[in-house]
């Protein structure tokens, strides 16, 4: 209602002033309402991430805390892969499609047990690993063990369940070449989900704050179009600077698709360099680093007052009927911002299973309630063997807000 009244008042003002607004046609010299009230952002500095001007979003008025700060909650989850594997399955008869039929053909079932968590925060970020396209839109298939393809309508599942942003820099977003990537981008944008990859920063506004999200991958064996760790480190630093200085982002998150599959701890030998890259991102000004790819949960570090979540594991993963480890967790961080500075960033984890069932993976991520299961997740993330190379490992993982 408030948004409608504001638009009406603006229209009245424009007509009173006798301004011409171009609504339907994009002709040279026309001026639109967006041009007047949201002027185009200046061109990015050399080496920074290209970024289209963010669409204005209707966000609630900031809620100020007692100390005058604004607090926002960011939720992060791991890999979301929904659809079927064209290498081993046929459309309509794959693992996900069979489960979908059991769920009355409602794909929203994958988030049914975490919707209350996602909808009560300010921003939820997931790693979307796969392609959303009609079979008629794509033909080329990357030679890989798995090629994941889903219905473009599945993008609405994210938006419907309060997943506002996705990272799409991973080793499966290119399964169907440029056509598949473009189709996935179109699906996300049509659904109203912001997205990030190495050439595109996602921006989301909440509580009067602007959050920039950057995404990269370094998944050995590297292809010719993938960056080595040293080259990537330079790009990440330049992109973070652009996010803060050119685009005035109050908070910047950096997501890395990195490491080795099935690892429970990060690697720092060449070419992985996870620890080096994560800490370098923080040194360059990142406020939160998020990792994925290993399909396993990894420890968390607190480095220079910021958190590096080395691997969020799976979230909803349709690539395996029953993985040997179905544990995962949801990461949440509350950022308190005052006078342009972050004055607090407490976090908590919510231990989960990637399935609502014990006997097989039904792709519906579900928080654990049993103490033993919760303890298993915590113990895995703090196990001496898994944190031995992490000088700043967090060994006290809060399950509730402090």
Protein backbone atom coordinates (compact mmCIF):
# COMPACT_ATOMS: atom_id res chain seq x y z
CA UNK A 1 0.00 0.00 0.00
CA UNK A 2 2.82 2.38 0.94
CA UNK A 3 4.62 1.59 -2.31
CA UNK A 4 1.45 2.25 -4.38
CA UNK A 5 0.82 5.60 -2.71
CA UNK A 6 4.42 6.64 -3.26
CA UNK A 7 4.23 5.83 -6.96
CA UNK A 8 0.93 7.74 -7.29
CA UNK A 9 2.41 10.83 -5.63
CA UNK A 10 5.44 10.68 -7.91
CA UNK A 11 3.23 10.48 -11.00
CA UNK A 12 1.19 13.45 -9.87
CA UNK A 13 4.36 15.45 -9.26
CA UNK A 14 5.74 14.64 -12.68
CA UNK A 15 2.57 15.62 -14.49
CA UNK A 16 2.43 18.86 -12.49
CA UNK A 17 5.95 19.70 -13.60
CA UNK A 18 5.08 18.83 -17.19
CA UNK A 19 7.77 16.19 -17.56
CA UNK A 20 7.55 13.64 -20.35
CA UNK A 21 8.15 10.01 -19.36
CA UNK A 22 8.86 7.24 -21.83
CA UNK A 23 6.99 4.15 -20.64
CA UNK A 24 6.68 1.74 -23.53
CA UNK A 25 9.42 2.61 -26.01
CA UNK A 26 13.14 2.96 -25.42
CA UNK A 27 13.90 5.80 -27.83
CA UNK A 28 16.98 7.97 -27.71
CA UNK A 29 16.50 11.06 -25.56
CA UNK A 30 13.51 9.71 -23.60
CA UNK A 31 13.53 10.03 -19.80
CA UNK A 32 11.86 7.48 -17.55
CA UNK A 33 10.92 7.53 -13.89
CA UNK A 34 13.78 5.14 -13.12
CA UNK A 35 16.25 7.48 -14.85
CA UNK A 36 15.06 10.41 -12.73
CA UNK A 37 14.90 8.77 -9.32
CA UNK A 38 17.47 5.98 -9.80
CA UNK A 39 20.13 7.41 -12.16
CA UNK A 40 22.44 4.89 -13.86
CA UNK A 41 25.50 3.89 -11.86
CA UNK A 42 28.82 5.23 -13.09
CA UNK A 43 30.90 2.88 -15.24
CA UNK A 44 32.97 0.45 -13.16
CA UNK A 45 36.67 1.03 -12.73
CA UNK A 46 39.02 -1.07 -14.88
CA UNK A 47 39.24 -4.63 -13.59
CA UNK A 48 36.05 -4.41 -11.51
CA UNK A 49 32.97 -6.59 -11.87
CA UNK A 50 30.42 -5.43 -14.48
CA UNK A 51 27.16 -4.69 -12.73
CA UNK A 52 23.83 -3.51 -14.16
CA UNK A 53 22.01 -0.87 -12.15
CA UNK A 54 20.02 -2.77 -9.48
CA UNK A 55 16.26 -2.63 -9.76
CA UNK A 56 14.76 -0.60 -6.90
CA UNK A 57 13.29 -2.98 -4.35
CA UNK A 58 10.43 -2.33 -1.96
CA UNK A 59 12.08 -2.98 1.37
CA UNK A 60 10.69 -2.22 4.83
CA UNK A 61 11.85 0.89 6.60
CA UNK A 62 15.01 0.21 8.62
CA UNK A 63 14.44 -0.96 12.17
CA UNK A 64 16.98 0.75 14.39
CA UNK A 65 18.44 -1.00 17.42
CA UNK A 66 18.89 0.69 20.81
CA UNK A 67 22.44 1.73 19.88
CA UNK A 68 21.29 3.30 16.61
CA UNK A 69 22.53 0.45 14.42
CA UNK A 70 20.56 -1.43 11.76
CA UNK A 71 20.59 -5.22 11.97
CA UNK A 72 20.10 -7.61 9.07
CA UNK A 73 20.22 -11.40 9.05
CA UNK A 74 21.85 -13.24 6.17
CA UNK A 75 21.27 -16.97 5.74
CA UNK A 76 23.53 -19.17 3.59
CA UNK A 77 23.05 -22.73 2.38
CA UNK A 78 25.05 -25.00 0.11
CA UNK A 79 24.41 -26.73 -3.20
CA UNK A 80 20.92 -26.74 -4.68
CA UNK A 81 20.69 -29.16 -7.61
CA UNK A 82 17.19 -29.95 -8.82
CA UNK A 83 16.23 -31.62 -12.08
CA UNK A 84 17.67 -34.70 -13.75
CA UNK A 85 21.07 -35.91 -14.93
CA UNK A 86 20.89 -36.21 -18.71
CA UNK A 87 23.87 -38.60 -18.74
CA UNK A 88 22.08 -41.26 -16.72
CA UNK A 89 18.38 -40.33 -16.51
CA UNK A 90 15.49 -39.45 -18.76
CA UNK A 91 13.22 -36.49 -18.18
CA UNK A 92 10.26 -37.52 -16.04
CA UNK A 93 11.89 -40.67 -14.67
CA UNK A 94 14.95 -39.41 -12.79
CA UNK A 95 15.45 -39.35 -9.02
CA UNK A 96 14.03 -35.86 -8.60
CA UNK A 97 11.06 -36.44 -10.90
CA UNK A 98 10.09 -39.62 -9.06
CA UNK A 99 10.13 -37.81 -5.74
CA UNK A 100 8.26 -34.88 -7.27
CA UNK A 101 5.40 -37.21 -8.22
CA UNK A 102 5.23 -38.43 -4.60
CA UNK A 103 4.93 -34.77 -3.53
CA UNK A 104 1.85 -34.05 -5.70
CA UNK A 105 4.09 -32.48 -8.36
CA UNK A 106 4.78 -29.48 -6.13
CA UNK A 107 8.51 -28.68 -6.35
CA UNK A 108 8.26 -26.37 -3.35
CA UNK A 109 8.53 -29.47 -1.16
CA UNK A 110 12.32 -29.20 -1.10
CA UNK A 111 12.19 -26.19 1.26
CA UNK A 112 9.03 -27.01 3.20
CA UNK A 113 10.92 -27.70 6.44
CA UNK A 114 13.11 -24.58 6.33
CA UNK A 115 10.70 -22.00 4.90
CA UNK A 116 10.13 -20.49 8.34
CA UNK A 117 13.90 -19.97 8.69
CA UNK A 118 14.37 -18.46 5.25
CA UNK A 119 11.32 -16.20 5.47
CA UNK A 120 12.29 -14.75 8.85
CA UNK A 121 15.67 -13.39 7.67
CA UNK A 122 16.53 -10.46 5.38
CA UNK A 123 18.44 -12.40 2.71
CA UNK A 124 18.97 -16.07 1.89
CA UNK A 125 21.83 -17.09 -0.44
CA UNK A 126 22.17 -20.54 -2.06
CA UNK A 127 24.62 -22.02 -4.53
CA UNK A 128 22.57 -23.09 -7.55
CA UNK A 129 24.43 -25.89 -9.27
CA UNK A 130 22.85 -26.93 -12.52
CA UNK A 131 21.05 -25.51 -15.54
CA UNK A 132 17.43 -24.43 -15.88
CA UNK A 133 16.35 -24.70 -19.51
CA UNK A 134 13.94 -26.42 -21.85
CA UNK A 135 15.50 -29.32 -23.70
CA UNK A 136 14.80 -27.47 -26.94
CA UNK A 137 16.96 -24.55 -25.77
CA UNK A 138 20.16 -26.56 -25.33
CA UNK A 139 22.00 -29.19 -27.30
CA UNK A 140 25.70 -29.07 -26.40
CA UNK A 141 26.63 -31.08 -23.35
CA UNK A 142 29.85 -30.72 -21.41
CA UNK A 143 31.75 -33.98 -21.16
CA UNK A 144 31.37 -34.63 -17.46
CA UNK A 145 30.25 -37.45 -15.20
CA UNK A 146 26.97 -35.59 -14.59
CA UNK A 147 25.00 -32.94 -16.50
CA UNK A 148 22.09 -31.50 -14.49
CA UNK A 149 19.08 -29.96 -16.25
CA UNK A 150 15.91 -28.62 -14.64
CA UNK A 151 12.68 -26.94 -15.66
CA UNK A 152 13.02 -23.13 -15.89
CA UNK A 153 9.93 -22.89 -13.68
CA UNK A 154 12.02 -24.25 -10.80
CA UNK A 155 13.51 -20.77 -10.38
CA UNK A 156 10.19 -19.76 -8.85
CA UNK A 157 10.71 -22.39 -6.16
CA UNK A 158 13.60 -20.30 -4.89
CA UNK A 159 11.62 -17.08 -4.84
CA UNK A 160 8.52 -18.74 -3.38
CA UNK A 161 10.58 -20.00 -0.46
CA UNK A 162 12.44 -16.77 0.29
CA UNK A 163 15.74 -17.66 -1.38
CA UNK A 164 16.45 -14.21 -2.76
CA UNK A 165 19.92 -14.77 -4.22
CA UNK A 166 21.97 -17.52 -5.85
CA UNK A 167 25.59 -17.93 -6.81
CA UNK A 168 26.05 -19.47 -10.24
CA UNK A 169 29.80 -19.86 -10.50
CA UNK A 170 30.38 -23.59 -10.23
CA UNK A 171 31.37 -26.63 -12.25
CA UNK A 172 27.82 -27.48 -13.41
CA UNK A 173 26.44 -24.11 -14.50
CA UNK A 174 28.32 -24.68 -17.78
CA UNK A 175 26.98 -28.18 -18.40
CA UNK A 176 25.10 -26.97 -21.49
CA UNK A 177 27.37 -24.20 -22.63
CA UNK A 178 26.48 -20.55 -23.09
CA UNK A 179 22.92 -21.35 -24.12
CA UNK A 180 22.33 -23.16 -20.84
CA UNK A 181 23.85 -20.35 -18.81
CA UNK A 182 21.75 -17.72 -20.58
CA UNK A 183 18.57 -19.75 -20.10
CA UNK A 184 19.33 -20.11 -16.38
CA UNK A 185 19.99 -16.38 -16.03
CA UNK A 186 16.69 -15.63 -17.77
CA UNK A 187 14.85 -18.05 -15.48
CA UNK A 188 16.33 -16.47 -12.35
CA UNK A 189 15.65 -12.92 -13.47
CA UNK A 190 12.08 -13.76 -14.51
CA UNK A 191 11.48 -15.22 -11.05
CA UNK A 192 13.00 -12.19 -9.33
CA UNK A 193 16.06 -14.00 -7.96
CA UNK A 194 19.33 -12.04 -8.04
CA UNK A 195 22.39 -13.97 -9.18
CA UNK A 196 26.16 -13.74 -9.15
CA UNK A 197 29.03 -15.24 -11.11
CA UNK A 198 32.61 -14.17 -11.77
CA UNK A 199 31.46 -11.46 -14.21
CA UNK A 200 28.29 -10.31 -12.48
CA UNK A 201 27.80 -9.08 -8.93
CA UNK A 202 24.42 -9.58 -7.33
CA UNK A 203 23.04 -6.68 -5.30
CA UNK A 204 20.19 -6.88 -2.81
CA UNK A 205 18.81 -4.14 -0.60
CA UNK A 206 17.36 -4.75 2.85
CA UNK A 207 16.75 -2.50 5.85
CA UNK A 208 18.17 0.40 3.88
CA UNK A 209 21.48 -1.45 3.40
CA UNK A 210 23.01 -2.66 0.16
CA UNK A 211 24.51 -6.17 0.07
CA UNK A 212 26.87 -7.08 -2.75
CA UNK A 213 27.46 -10.75 -3.54
CA UNK A 214 30.48 -11.95 -5.52
CA UNK A 215 31.06 -15.52 -6.73
CA UNK A 216 34.04 -17.43 -8.13
CA UNK A 217 35.24 -20.97 -8.66
CA UNK A 218 38.54 -22.79 -8.62
CA UNK A 219 37.84 -26.49 -9.10
CA UNK A 220 40.84 -28.58 -10.23
CA UNK A 221 41.56 -29.97 -12.73
CA UNK A 222 41.41 -26.48 -14.19
CA UNK A 223 40.27 -25.75 -17.74
CA UNK A 224 41.86 -23.08 -19.89
CA UNK A 225 39.04 -20.63 -19.09
CA UNK A 226 39.42 -20.99 -15.32
CA UNK A 227 41.71 -18.82 -13.24
CA UNK A 228 44.57 -20.03 -11.10
CA UNK A 229 44.52 -19.05 -7.43
CA UNK A 230 46.99 -16.15 -7.77
CA UNK A 231 45.10 -14.61 -10.69
CA UNK A 232 41.79 -15.12 -8.92
CA UNK A 233 43.09 -13.47 -5.76
CA UNK A 234 43.85 -10.28 -7.70
CA UNK A 235 40.41 -10.22 -9.33
CA UNK A 236 38.63 -10.83 -6.04
CA UNK A 237 40.43 -7.90 -4.40
CA UNK A 238 39.58 -5.58 -7.31
CA UNK A 239 35.94 -6.67 -7.32
CA UNK A 240 35.55 -6.19 -3.56
CA UNK A 241 36.99 -2.68 -3.88
CA UNK A 242 34.55 -1.90 -6.70
CA UNK A 243 31.64 -3.25 -4.68
CA UNK A 244 32.45 -1.00 -1.74
CA UNK A 245 33.69 2.10 -3.51
CA UNK A 246 31.87 2.22 -6.86
CA UNK A 247 28.60 0.57 -5.86
CA UNK A 248 28.48 1.68 -2.22
CA UNK A 249 27.73 -1.77 -0.81
CA UNK A 250 27.50 -1.80 2.99
CA UNK A 251 28.16 -5.55 3.18
CA UNK A 252 30.06 -7.71 0.68
CA UNK A 253 29.92 -11.50 0.63
CA UNK A 254 32.30 -13.63 -1.42
CA UNK A 255 31.35 -17.18 -2.43
CA UNK A 256 33.95 -19.69 -3.62
CA UNK A 257 33.25 -23.00 -5.36
CA UNK A 258 36.51 -24.68 -4.41
CA UNK A 259 38.33 -27.61 -2.83
CA UNK A 260 38.04 -31.31 -3.47
CA UNK A 261 34.88 -33.37 -3.39
CA UNK A 262 34.21 -35.37 -0.21
CA UNK A 263 36.80 -33.40 1.81
CA UNK A 264 35.86 -32.41 5.37
CA UNK A 265 38.50 -29.68 5.60
CA UNK A 266 39.98 -27.09 3.24
CA UNK A 267 43.18 -27.61 1.28
CA UNK A 268 45.89 -25.04 0.81
CA UNK A 269 48.33 -26.78 -1.51
CA UNK A 270 48.47 -25.70 -5.14
CA UNK A 271 46.18 -25.34 -7.01
CA UNK A 272 43.45 -25.29 -4.32
CA UNK A 273 44.71 -22.50 -2.05
CA UNK A 274 41.40 -22.35 -0.13
CA UNK A 275 42.86 -20.95 3.08
CA UNK A 276 44.96 -18.37 1.24
CA UNK A 277 42.04 -17.25 -0.95
CA UNK A 278 39.57 -17.08 1.92
CA UNK A 279 41.81 -14.98 4.13
CA UNK A 280 42.89 -12.78 1.21
CA UNK A 281 39.24 -11.99 0.51
CA UNK A 282 38.77 -10.86 4.10
CA UNK A 283 41.97 -8.80 3.93
CA UNK A 284 40.61 -7.14 0.78
CA UNK A 285 37.43 -6.08 2.60
CA UNK A 286 34.99 -9.00 2.31
CA UNK A 287 32.59 -9.23 5.25
CA UNK A 288 31.73 -12.92 4.85
CA UNK A 289 33.25 -15.77 2.83
CA UNK A 290 31.09 -18.75 1.88
CA UNK A 291 32.35 -22.01 0.36
CA UNK A 292 30.93 -25.07 -1.36
CA UNK A 293 31.74 -27.90 -3.80
CA UNK A 294 32.96 -30.71 -1.56
CA UNK A 295 29.40 -31.94 -0.78
CA UNK A 296 30.63 -32.22 2.80
CA UNK A 297 30.55 -29.79 5.71
CA UNK A 298 33.79 -28.02 6.64
CA UNK A 299 34.99 -25.93 9.60
CA UNK A 300 34.50 -22.19 10.08
CA UNK A 301 37.28 -19.68 10.74
CA UNK A 302 37.04 -16.27 12.36
CA UNK A 303 39.74 -14.23 10.69
CA UNK A 304 40.23 -10.52 11.39
CA UNK A 305 36.73 -10.31 12.83
CA UNK A 306 35.03 -11.92 9.81
CA UNK A 307 33.92 -15.49 9.14
CA UNK A 308 35.11 -17.94 6.49
CA UNK A 309 32.65 -20.82 6.07
CA UNK A 310 34.79 -23.28 4.13
CA UNK A 311 31.97 -25.56 2.99
CA UNK A 312 28.23 -25.46 3.53
CA UNK A 313 27.86 -28.95 2.04
CA UNK A 314 24.66 -29.85 0.21
CA UNK A 315 21.28 -28.21 0.64
CA UNK A 316 18.87 -29.93 -1.74
CA UNK A 317 20.90 -32.27 -3.92
CA UNK A 318 19.16 -34.44 -6.52
CA UNK A 319 22.37 -36.03 -7.73
CA UNK A 320 22.41 -38.93 -5.28
CA UNK A 321 19.63 -41.12 -3.90
CA UNK A 322 21.47 -41.80 -0.65
CA UNK A 323 24.81 -40.06 -0.09
CA UNK A 324 27.07 -41.70 2.47
CA UNK A 325 26.83 -38.52 4.55
CA UNK A 326 23.55 -36.59 4.56
CA UNK A 327 24.55 -34.06 7.22
CA UNK A 328 24.63 -30.36 6.45
CA UNK A 329 23.97 -27.04 8.17
CA UNK A 330 22.44 -23.64 7.63
CA UNK A 331 24.70 -20.68 8.42
CA UNK A 332 23.19 -17.43 9.69
CA UNK A 333 24.97 -14.18 10.47
CA UNK A 334 23.49 -10.99 11.92
CA UNK A 335 25.26 -7.86 10.71
CA UNK A 336 24.81 -4.72 12.78
CA UNK A 337 25.72 -1.60 10.81
CA UNK A 338 26.06 1.86 12.32
CA UNK A 339 27.25 4.98 10.52
CA UNK A 340 28.45 2.87 7.62
CA UNK A 341 30.51 0.52 9.79
CA UNK A 342 29.85 -3.07 10.83
CA UNK A 343 29.80 -3.02 14.63
CA UNK A 344 28.77 -6.64 15.21
CA UNK A 345 28.34 -9.90 13.31
CA UNK A 346 27.27 -12.80 15.58
CA UNK A 347 26.44 -16.09 13.87
CA UNK A 348 24.79 -19.40 14.52
CA UNK A 349 24.49 -22.74 12.69
CA UNK A 350 21.41 -24.90 12.29
CA UNK A 351 22.46 -28.56 11.85
CA UNK A 352 20.33 -30.35 9.25
CA UNK A 353 19.90 -33.46 7.16
CA UNK A 354 19.58 -32.95 3.39
CA UNK A 355 16.51 -35.17 3.53
CA UNK A 356 13.42 -35.38 5.70
CA UNK A 357 13.94 -39.15 5.75
CA UNK A 358 16.68 -41.35 7.14
CA UNK A 359 16.40 -44.19 4.64
CA UNK A 360 16.92 -42.21 1.44
CA UNK A 361 17.43 -38.71 0.11
CA UNK A 362 14.09 -37.03 -0.63
CA UNK A 363 15.82 -33.64 -1.26
CA UNK A 364 13.87 -31.85 1.50
CA UNK A 365 16.47 -30.25 3.79
CA UNK A 366 15.33 -30.65 7.40
CA UNK A 367 16.76 -29.30 10.67
CA UNK A 368 17.88 -31.95 13.14
CA UNK A 369 16.03 -32.21 16.42
CA UNK A 370 17.82 -35.21 17.92
CA UNK A 371 20.76 -34.17 20.18
CA UNK A 372 23.00 -36.95 18.84
CA UNK A 373 22.55 -35.80 15.24
CA UNK A 374 23.20 -32.19 16.17
CA UNK A 375 26.32 -33.27 18.04
CA UNK A 376 27.54 -35.18 14.98
CA UNK A 377 27.48 -32.02 12.86
CA UNK A 378 29.24 -29.94 15.50
CA UNK A 379 31.86 -32.60 16.15
CA UNK A 380 32.60 -32.98 12.44
CA UNK A 381 33.17 -29.24 12.06
CA UNK A 382 35.42 -29.02 15.12
CA UNK A 383 37.23 -32.36 14.85
CA UNK A 384 40.96 -31.94 15.49
CA UNK A 385 41.84 -33.65 12.22
CA UNK A 386 39.64 -31.24 10.26
CA UNK A 387 40.89 -28.02 11.88
CA UNK A 388 44.58 -28.88 12.28
CA UNK A 389 45.62 -26.44 9.54
CA UNK A 390 43.22 -23.67 10.57
CA UNK A 391 44.84 -21.28 13.01
CA UNK A 392 41.61 -19.32 13.50
CA UNK A 393 39.13 -22.21 13.58
CA UNK A 394 35.92 -21.61 15.53
CA UNK A 395 35.61 -24.44 18.02
CA UNK A 396 32.52 -23.14 19.82
CA UNK A 397 29.71 -23.27 17.28
CA UNK A 398 26.60 -21.51 18.63
CA UNK A 399 23.26 -23.14 17.88
CA UNK A 400 21.29 -20.16 19.15
CA UNK A 401 21.82 -16.42 18.90
CA UNK A 402 24.15 -15.06 21.55
